[in-house]
Amino acid sequence: MAHTQTRRCEFSKQSRLKIIERDRGCIFCQRGYHIDETDGYGRELFEIMHYIPRSQGGLGIPQNGALGCKDHHMMLDNGNKGRREEMLEIFREHLKRFYKDWNEKDLVYSKWNF
């Protein structure tokens, strides 16, 4: 059986469906955000991205996730070429549009919150 924190940081099927329905495609591609050289295949594969990473206790809730193509997700996670902060700002703006009271502190696992 998985540890409570591990379960809370994974996106459930219900959360994934809410994110997919809400975003309807890569949040970065929709804005025409820069993409490094690619064969184009990675832009056709979509993944759920964490705003606060699981490694930092980021919860698997829609307020902490967005849909991204594989190429943009890799750019965000690798943080190469100095684009991570800019991408996080776009991600943050995107989430704030949907969640009026959005707050980064609410996105991190705490055993006292559950």
C-alpha atoms as a PDB file:
ATOM      1  CA  MET A   1       0.000   0.000   0.000  1.00  0.00           C
ATOM      2  CA  ALA A   2       1.363   3.409  -0.997  1.00  0.00           C
ATOM      3  CA  HIS A   3       2.288   6.012   1.590  1.00  0.00           C
ATOM      4  CA  THR A   4      -0.366   8.717   2.176  1.00  0.00           C
ATOM      5  CA  GLN A   5       1.857  11.471   0.776  1.00  0.00           C
ATOM      6  CA  THR A   6       2.551   9.432  -2.362  1.00  0.00           C
ATOM      7  CA  ARG A   7      -1.185   8.920  -2.941  1.00  0.00           C
ATOM      8  CA  ARG A   8      -1.965  12.612  -2.384  1.00  0.00           C
ATOM      9  CA  CYS A   9       0.713  13.733  -4.859  1.00  0.00           C
ATOM     10  CA  GLU A  10      -0.492  11.528  -7.725  1.00  0.00           C
ATOM     11  CA  PHE A  11      -3.276  12.779  -9.992  1.00  0.00           C
ATOM     12  CA  SER A  12      -6.368  10.590  -9.668  1.00  0.00           C
ATOM     13  CA  LYS A  13      -8.310   9.587 -12.756  1.00  0.00           C
ATOM     14  CA  GLN A  14     -10.987  12.143 -11.811  1.00  0.00           C
ATOM     15  CA  SER A  15      -8.404  14.948 -11.442  1.00  0.00           C
ATOM     16  CA  ARG A  16      -6.807  14.019 -14.765  1.00  0.00           C
ATOM     17  CA  LEU A  17     -10.160  14.166 -16.547  1.00  0.00           C
ATOM     18  CA  LYS A  18     -10.955  17.575 -15.022  1.00  0.00           C
ATOM     19  CA  ILE A  19      -7.583  18.948 -16.165  1.00  0.00           C
ATOM     20  CA  ILE A  20      -7.935  17.527 -19.688  1.00  0.00           C
ATOM     21  CA  GLU A  21     -11.456  18.924 -20.025  1.00  0.00           C
ATOM     22  CA  ARG A  22     -10.408  22.314 -18.628  1.00  0.00           C
ATOM     23  CA  ASP A  23      -7.243  22.787 -20.710  1.00  0.00           C
ATOM     24  CA  ARG A  24      -8.108  20.998 -23.979  1.00  0.00           C
ATOM     25  CA  GLY A  25      -4.489  20.955 -25.107  1.00  0.00           C
ATOM     26  CA  CYS A  26      -1.018  22.104 -24.115  1.00  0.00           C
ATOM     27  CA  ILE A  27      -1.212  25.380 -22.188  1.00  0.00           C
ATOM     28  CA  PHE A  28       2.110  26.472 -23.723  1.00  0.00           C
ATOM     29  CA  CYS A  29       1.330  25.530 -27.338  1.00  0.00           C
ATOM     30  CA  GLN A  30      -1.969  27.421 -27.072  1.00  0.00           C
ATOM     31  CA  ARG A  31       0.017  30.557 -26.274  1.00  0.00           C
ATOM     32  CA  GLY A  32       2.532  29.919 -29.056  1.00  0.00           C
ATOM     33  CA  TYR A  33       5.285  29.542 -26.463  1.00  0.00           C
ATOM     34  CA  HIS A  34       8.809  28.794 -27.680  1.00  0.00           C
ATOM     35  CA  ILE A  35       9.695  25.194 -28.388  1.00  0.00           C
ATOM     36  CA  ASP A  36      13.167  23.805 -28.931  1.00  0.00           C
ATOM     37  CA  GLU A  37      13.997  21.795 -32.016  1.00  0.00           C
ATOM     38  CA  THR A  38      11.676  18.833 -32.143  1.00  0.00           C
ATOM     39  CA  ASP A  39      10.516  16.198 -34.571  1.00  0.00           C
ATOM     40  CA  GLY A  40       6.932  17.278 -33.855  1.00  0.00           C
ATOM     41  CA  TYR A  41       5.951  13.948 -32.325  1.00  0.00           C
ATOM     42  CA  GLY A  42       6.337  15.245 -28.752  1.00  0.00           C
ATOM     43  CA  ARG A  43       3.805  17.962 -29.469  1.00  0.00           C
ATOM     44  CA  GLU A  44       1.172  15.308 -30.175  1.00  0.00           C
ATOM     45  CA  LEU A  45       1.606  13.496 -26.850  1.00  0.00           C
ATOM     46  CA  PHE A  46      -0.011  15.125 -23.823  1.00  0.00           C
ATOM     47  CA  GLU A  47       0.863  14.759 -20.155  1.00  0.00           C
ATOM     48  CA  ILE A  48      -0.379  16.225 -16.893  1.00  0.00           C
ATOM     49  CA  MET A  49       2.255  18.546 -15.410  1.00  0.00           C
ATOM     50  CA  HIS A  50       2.590  19.485 -11.733  1.00  0.00           C
ATOM     51  CA  TYR A  51       3.078  23.188 -10.933  1.00  0.00           C
ATOM     52  CA  ILE A  52       4.619  22.274  -7.554  1.00  0.00           C
ATOM     53  CA  PRO A  53       6.552  19.066  -8.333  1.00  0.00           C
ATOM     54  CA  ARG A  54       5.773  15.813  -6.516  1.00  0.00           C
ATOM     55  CA  SER A  55       9.349  15.828  -5.211  1.00  0.00           C
ATOM     56  CA  GLN A  56       8.454  18.996  -3.302  1.00  0.00           C
ATOM     57  CA  GLY A  57       5.156  17.591  -2.023  1.00  0.00           C
ATOM     58  CA  GLY A  58       2.997  18.994  -4.825  1.00  0.00           C
ATOM     59  CA  LEU A  59      -0.514  17.598  -4.579  1.00  0.00           C
ATOM     60  CA  GLY A  60      -2.268  15.745  -7.397  1.00  0.00           C
ATOM     61  CA  ILE A  61      -5.177  18.175  -7.618  1.00  0.00           C
ATOM     62  CA  PRO A  62      -6.444  20.196 -10.583  1.00  0.00           C
ATOM     63  CA  GLN A  63      -5.266  23.443  -8.929  1.00  0.00           C
ATOM     64  CA  ASN A  64      -1.700  22.092  -9.175  1.00  0.00           C
ATOM     65  CA  GLY A  65      -1.824  20.642 -12.659  1.00  0.00           C
ATOM     66  CA  ALA A  66      -2.144  21.500 -16.304  1.00  0.00           C
ATOM     67  CA  LEU A  67      -2.019  19.723 -19.622  1.00  0.00           C
ATOM     68  CA  GLY A  68       1.187  20.030 -21.585  1.00  0.00           C
ATOM     69  CA  CYS A  69       2.684  18.433 -24.645  1.00  0.00           C
ATOM     70  CA  LYS A  70       5.614  16.120 -23.981  1.00  0.00           C
ATOM     71  CA  ASP A  71       8.098  18.643 -25.406  1.00  0.00           C
ATOM     72  CA  HIS A  72       6.949  21.549 -23.228  1.00  0.00           C
ATOM     73  CA  HIS A  73       6.684  19.291 -20.176  1.00  0.00           C
ATOM     74  CA  MET A  74      10.283  18.224 -20.701  1.00  0.00           C
ATOM     75  CA  MET A  75      11.369  21.863 -21.090  1.00  0.00           C
ATOM     76  CA  LEU A  76       9.606  22.769 -17.843  1.00  0.00           C
ATOM     77  CA  ASP A  77      11.016  19.839 -15.875  1.00  0.00           C
ATOM     78  CA  ASN A  78      14.570  20.177 -17.188  1.00  0.00           C
ATOM     79  CA  GLY A  79      14.615  23.944 -16.761  1.00  0.00           C
ATOM     80  CA  ASN A  80      17.287  24.175 -19.419  1.00  0.00           C
ATOM     81  CA  LYS A  81      18.023  27.307 -21.379  1.00  0.00           C
ATOM     82  CA  GLY A  82      16.731  29.496 -18.547  1.00  0.00           C
ATOM     83  CA  ARG A  83      13.056  29.194 -19.464  1.00  0.00           C
ATOM     84  CA  ARG A  84      11.740  27.492 -16.310  1.00  0.00           C
ATOM     85  CA  GLU A  85      10.827  30.692 -14.433  1.00  0.00           C
ATOM     86  CA  GLU A  86       9.068  32.135 -17.466  1.00  0.00           C
ATOM     87  CA  MET A  87       7.163  28.879 -17.980  1.00  0.00           C
ATOM     88  CA  LEU A  88       6.172  28.755 -14.316  1.00  0.00           C
ATOM     89  CA  GLU A  89       4.790  32.293 -14.608  1.00  0.00           C
ATOM     90  CA  ILE A  90       2.641  31.218 -17.591  1.00  0.00           C
ATOM     91  CA  PHE A  91       1.545  28.121 -15.640  1.00  0.00           C
ATOM     92  CA  ARG A  92       0.686  30.264 -12.580  1.00  0.00           C
ATOM     93  CA  GLU A  93      -1.351  32.751 -14.677  1.00  0.00           C
ATOM     94  CA  HIS A  94      -3.204  29.851 -16.292  1.00  0.00           C
ATOM     95  CA  LEU A  95      -4.208  28.329 -12.938  1.00  0.00           C
ATOM     96  CA  LYS A  96      -5.221  31.689 -11.465  1.00  0.00           C
ATOM     97  CA  ARG A  97      -7.688  32.195 -14.338  1.00  0.00           C
ATOM     98  CA  PHE A  98      -9.635  29.127 -13.223  1.00  0.00           C
ATOM     99  CA  TYR A  99      -9.240  29.256  -9.440  1.00  0.00           C
ATOM    100  CA  LYS A 100     -10.133  32.579  -7.851  1.00  0.00           C
ATOM    101  CA  ASP A 101      -8.493  31.842  -4.478  1.00  0.00           C
ATOM    102  CA  TRP A 102      -5.481  30.001  -5.940  1.00  0.00           C
ATOM    103  CA  ASN A 103      -2.539  29.944  -3.546  1.00  0.00           C
ATOM    104  CA  GLU A 104       0.731  28.041  -3.885  1.00  0.00           C
ATOM    105  CA  LYS A 105       0.712  27.124  -0.188  1.00  0.00           C
ATOM    106  CA  ASP A 106      -2.483  25.122  -0.716  1.00  0.00           C
ATOM    107  CA  LEU A 107      -0.754  22.933  -3.307  1.00  0.00           C
ATOM    108  CA  VAL A 108       1.804  21.301  -0.995  1.00  0.00           C
ATOM    109  CA  TYR A 109       1.161  18.140   1.010  1.00  0.00           C
ATOM    110  CA  SER A 110       0.996  18.523   4.751  1.00  0.00           C
ATOM    111  CA  LYS A 111      -0.110  15.708   7.012  1.00  0.00           C
ATOM    112  CA  TRP A 112      -1.921  18.359   9.067  1.00  0.00           C
ATOM    113  CA  ASN A 113      -4.154  19.304   6.109  1.00  0.00           C
ATOM    114  CA  PHE A 114      -5.767  15.860   5.822  1.00  0.00           C
END
